[in-house]
Amino acid sequence: MMNDKGKMNKARCPWPVDDLYIAYHDLEWGVPAHEDRKLFEFLLLEGAQAGLSWHLILKRRENYRAAFDQFDPEKVARYSASKIARRLGNPGIVRNRLKIAGAVQNARSFLAVREEFGSFDRYVWRFVEGRTIVNHWRSWKEVPARTVESDAMSRDLKQRGFAFVGSTICYAHMQATGMVNDHLTCCFRHKELP
């Protein structure tokens, strides 16, 4: 089927509603991420998204990248009270004191986990036994907000001092980083990804 611009329409999940969301869906969502900085980026962004729409955060992603030193956990972990205060004045990000302080705390906890396990990747992928869980949802209504795996991840992260890591946020993180493949079976990405 052709769209009004003469391009082929691909069957995809129903949630991408604009070009930004379509690009994210087609190129990133569900792609297995194993690089620690990428995993930290999604951890920080998912925490910022708590109670808000992912679309809002995605539109501000470049602002977050600039505000949080290209998602460098070593730099974020060293933020002082004055650096946190400056971010509270940044209109390009969600200016929530708890979320910004939580990002700094998460960077510190992230580094501790990396020290213990050798990489955050090695730690976090344990919750899915090191491989993507491939689901076979036919309707978006079937996709859960949380799972046994995200419950376990949430509990463990909280015990390690992380903030904004409830089970629903953890499941969104798992979806974003390809720990689970939740593309619908009718979506072209379902077969392309592990």
Foldseek 3Di string as FASTA:
>chain_A
DADPVRDDDFDWAPPQDDPLSVCLRVPFFQAADQDQLVLLLLLLLLLLCVVHDSVLSSVLSVVCCVLQVNSDLVVLLPDDPVSLVVVLVDPSGPNDSVSSVLSNQLSVLLVVVCVVQVGVSRVLLVLLPNAEAEDAAQHPVPDDLADPSLCVVLVVSVVSPHPSRHRSSSVSSCRRNNSYPPIHPSGPVSVVHD
